[in-house]
C-alpha atoms as a PDB file:
ATOM      1  CA  MET A   1     -10.199 -15.995 -26.355  1.00  0.00           C
ATOM      2  CA  SER A   2      -8.965 -13.829 -23.500  1.00  0.00           C
ATOM      3  CA  ALA A   3      -7.665 -15.354 -20.325  1.00  0.00           C
ATOM      4  CA  MET A   4     -10.144 -16.146 -17.640  1.00  0.00           C
ATOM      5  CA  LYS A   5     -10.218 -13.362 -15.045  1.00  0.00           C
ATOM      6  CA  THR A   6     -11.920 -14.082 -11.795  1.00  0.00           C
ATOM      7  CA  VAL A   7     -12.599 -11.547  -9.058  1.00  0.00           C
ATOM      8  CA  ILE A   8     -13.091 -12.616  -5.498  1.00  0.00           C
ATOM      9  CA  THR A   9     -14.492 -10.106  -2.920  1.00  0.00           C
ATOM     10  CA  SER A  10     -11.983  -9.791  -0.158  1.00  0.00           C
ATOM     11  CA  SER A  11     -11.858  -8.341   3.324  1.00  0.00           C
ATOM     12  CA  GLY A  12      -8.132  -7.290   2.867  1.00  0.00           C
ATOM     13  CA  ASP A  13      -5.349  -6.966   0.308  1.00  0.00           C
ATOM     14  CA  THR A  14      -3.388 -10.207   0.839  1.00  0.00           C
ATOM     15  CA  LEU A  15      -3.956 -13.864  -0.074  1.00  0.00           C
ATOM     16  CA  GLN A  16      -4.373 -14.578   3.694  1.00  0.00           C
ATOM     17  CA  SER A  17      -7.398 -12.203   3.850  1.00  0.00           C
ATOM     18  CA  THR A  18     -10.834 -13.862   4.091  1.00  0.00           C
ATOM     19  CA  MET A  19     -13.485 -13.503   1.530  1.00  0.00           C
ATOM     20  CA  ASP A  20     -15.838 -10.522   1.982  1.00  0.00           C
ATOM     21  CA  SER A  21     -19.429 -11.670   1.430  1.00  0.00           C
ATOM     22  CA  ARG A  22     -20.582  -8.251   0.340  1.00  0.00           C
ATOM     23  CA  PHE A  23     -20.203  -7.623  -3.400  1.00  0.00           C
ATOM     24  CA  GLY A  24     -20.853  -3.872  -3.703  1.00  0.00           C
ATOM     25  CA  ARG A  25     -19.403  -2.900  -0.345  1.00  0.00           C
ATOM     26  CA  CYS A  26     -16.465  -5.322  -0.003  1.00  0.00           C
ATOM     27  CA  ALA A  27     -13.150  -3.806   1.108  1.00  0.00           C
ATOM     28  CA  TYR A  28     -11.039  -5.168  -1.745  1.00  0.00           C
ATOM     29  CA  PHE A  29     -11.246  -7.152  -4.949  1.00  0.00           C
ATOM     30  CA  CYS A  30      -8.742  -9.890  -5.637  1.00  0.00           C
ATOM     31  CA  VAL A  31      -8.276 -10.148  -9.373  1.00  0.00           C
ATOM     32  CA  TYR A  32      -7.045 -13.602 -10.305  1.00  0.00           C
ATOM     33  CA  ASP A  33      -5.733 -14.267 -13.809  1.00  0.00           C
ATOM     34  CA  GLN A  34      -6.024 -17.986 -14.426  1.00  0.00           C
ATOM     35  CA  GLU A  35      -3.691 -18.024 -17.439  1.00  0.00           C
ATOM     36  CA  SER A  36      -0.728 -16.318 -15.806  1.00  0.00           C
ATOM     37  CA  GLY A  37      -1.625 -17.430 -12.235  1.00  0.00           C
ATOM     38  CA  THR A  38      -1.171 -13.874 -10.976  1.00  0.00           C
ATOM     39  CA  THR A  39      -3.280 -12.058  -8.439  1.00  0.00           C
ATOM     40  CA  SER A  40      -3.684  -8.354  -7.766  1.00  0.00           C
ATOM     41  CA  PHE A  41      -5.766  -6.504  -5.235  1.00  0.00           C
ATOM     42  CA  LEU A  42      -7.799  -3.419  -5.885  1.00  0.00           C
ATOM     43  CA  LYS A  43      -9.385  -1.227  -3.157  1.00  0.00           C
ATOM     44  CA  ASN A  44     -13.112  -0.884  -3.607  1.00  0.00           C
ATOM     45  CA  GLU A  45     -13.544   2.905  -3.998  1.00  0.00           C
ATOM     46  CA  PHE A  46     -17.365   2.403  -3.796  1.00  0.00           C
ATOM     47  CA  ALA A  47     -17.422   0.631  -0.444  1.00  0.00           C
ATOM     48  CA  THR A  48     -18.692   3.737   1.318  1.00  0.00           C
ATOM     49  CA  ALA A  49     -20.843   5.127  -1.530  1.00  0.00           C
ATOM     50  CA  GLN A  50     -24.187   6.577  -0.472  1.00  0.00           C
ATOM     51  CA  GLY A  51     -26.102   4.359  -2.895  1.00  0.00           C
ATOM     52  CA  GLY A  52     -25.739   2.234  -6.002  1.00  0.00           C
ATOM     53  CA  ALA A  53     -22.491   0.718  -4.899  1.00  0.00           C
ATOM     54  CA  GLY A  54     -23.333  -2.626  -6.442  1.00  0.00           C
ATOM     55  CA  GLN A  55     -24.126  -1.003  -9.746  1.00  0.00           C
ATOM     56  CA  LYS A  56     -20.895   1.037  -9.807  1.00  0.00           C
ATOM     57  CA  VAL A  57     -18.908  -2.070  -8.853  1.00  0.00           C
ATOM     58  CA  ALA A  58     -20.572  -4.151 -11.549  1.00  0.00           C
ATOM     59  CA  GLU A  59     -19.643  -1.465 -14.196  1.00  0.00           C
ATOM     60  CA  LYS A  60     -16.057  -1.467 -12.890  1.00  0.00           C
ATOM     61  CA  MET A  61     -15.931  -5.331 -13.278  1.00  0.00           C
ATOM     62  CA  LEU A  62     -16.961  -4.893 -16.907  1.00  0.00           C
ATOM     63  CA  MET A  63     -14.236  -2.394 -17.424  1.00  0.00           C
ATOM     64  CA  LEU A  64     -11.689  -4.818 -15.992  1.00  0.00           C
ATOM     65  CA  GLY A  65     -12.936  -7.500 -18.365  1.00  0.00           C
ATOM     66  CA  VAL A  66     -13.799  -9.962 -15.615  1.00  0.00           C
ATOM     67  CA  GLN A  67     -15.534 -13.236 -16.598  1.00  0.00           C
ATOM     68  CA  ARG A  68     -16.367 -14.655 -13.155  1.00  0.00           C
ATOM     69  CA  ILE A  69     -17.053 -13.082  -9.756  1.00  0.00           C
ATOM     70  CA  ILE A  70     -17.061 -15.019  -6.452  1.00  0.00           C
ATOM     71  CA  SER A  71     -18.853 -13.337  -3.590  1.00  0.00           C
ATOM     72  CA  GLY A  72     -21.435 -14.005  -0.919  1.00  0.00           C
ATOM     73  CA  ASP A  73     -24.329 -12.234  -2.515  1.00  0.00           C
ATOM     74  CA  PHE A  74     -25.155  -9.910  -5.425  1.00  0.00           C
ATOM     75  CA  GLY A  75     -27.786  -7.223  -5.373  1.00  0.00           C
ATOM     76  CA  PRO A  76     -30.528  -7.263  -8.034  1.00  0.00           C
ATOM     77  CA  LYS A  77     -29.212  -4.249  -9.949  1.00  0.00           C
ATOM     78  CA  ALA A  78     -25.596  -5.481  -9.958  1.00  0.00           C
ATOM     79  CA  LYS A  79     -26.782  -8.969 -10.956  1.00  0.00           C
ATOM     80  CA  ALA A  80     -28.917  -7.581 -13.809  1.00  0.00           C
ATOM     81  CA  ILE A  81     -25.853  -5.679 -15.241  1.00  0.00           C
ATOM     82  CA  LEU A  82     -23.507  -8.667 -14.926  1.00  0.00           C
ATOM     83  CA  ASP A  83     -26.036 -11.180 -16.308  1.00  0.00           C
ATOM     84  CA  LYS A  84     -26.484  -8.984 -19.347  1.00  0.00           C
ATOM     85  CA  TYR A  85     -22.785  -9.264 -20.143  1.00  0.00           C
ATOM     86  CA  GLN A  86     -22.641 -13.014 -19.336  1.00  0.00           C
ATOM     87  CA  VAL A  87     -20.409 -12.608 -16.283  1.00  0.00           C
ATOM     88  CA  GLN A  88     -20.471 -15.828 -14.264  1.00  0.00           C
ATOM     89  CA  LEU A  89     -21.663 -15.125 -10.656  1.00  0.00           C
ATOM     90  CA  VAL A  90     -20.609 -17.635  -8.041  1.00  0.00           C
ATOM     91  CA  LYS A  91     -22.243 -17.399  -4.623  1.00  0.00           C
ATOM     92  CA  PHE A  92     -19.830 -18.625  -1.991  1.00  0.00           C
ATOM     93  CA  SER A  93     -21.228 -18.907   1.529  1.00  0.00           C
ATOM     94  CA  ASP A  94     -18.005 -19.778   3.495  1.00  0.00           C
ATOM     95  CA  ASP A  95     -16.530 -16.383   4.357  1.00  0.00           C
ATOM     96  CA  GLN A  96     -14.007 -17.989   6.663  1.00  0.00           C
ATOM     97  CA  LYS A  97     -11.963 -19.233   3.665  1.00  0.00           C
ATOM     98  CA  THR A  98      -9.000 -17.270   2.690  1.00  0.00           C
ATOM     99  CA  ILE A  99      -8.472 -15.876  -0.827  1.00  0.00           C
ATOM    100  CA  GLN A 100      -5.601 -18.299  -1.255  1.00  0.00           C
ATOM    101  CA  GLN A 101      -7.902 -21.314  -0.420  1.00  0.00           C
ATOM    102  CA  ILE A 102     -10.523 -20.147  -2.826  1.00  0.00           C
ATOM    103  CA  ILE A 103      -7.971 -19.690  -5.615  1.00  0.00           C
ATOM    104  CA  GLU A 104      -6.629 -23.253  -4.936  1.00  0.00           C
ATOM    105  CA  THR A 105     -10.167 -24.647  -5.648  1.00  0.00           C
ATOM    106  CA  LEU A 106     -10.168 -22.819  -8.982  1.00  0.00           C
ATOM    107  CA  LYS A 107      -6.932 -24.329 -10.209  1.00  0.00           C
END
């Protein structure tokens, strides 16, 4: 069984950044590896895409081998792709929380 990898959509590239409630158009992704306790940040290259950002991001998440995604909302196309591959989608409404605070709740 591979380690649980969780992505949190983020407004910036530090643990002090707040969650970004947009999935497809968030600024950054925080990839949290629960087994090693490490985090890394990836810039969302699809944030300014003309269309289909959610779908492209969903495909990227699958490439990264993510098992769970925490964000404010998921578009229908992105949700369909992620559901198909049994990625757990967690809707989180408090976008004032920092990435660090959200990770603490996962531990």
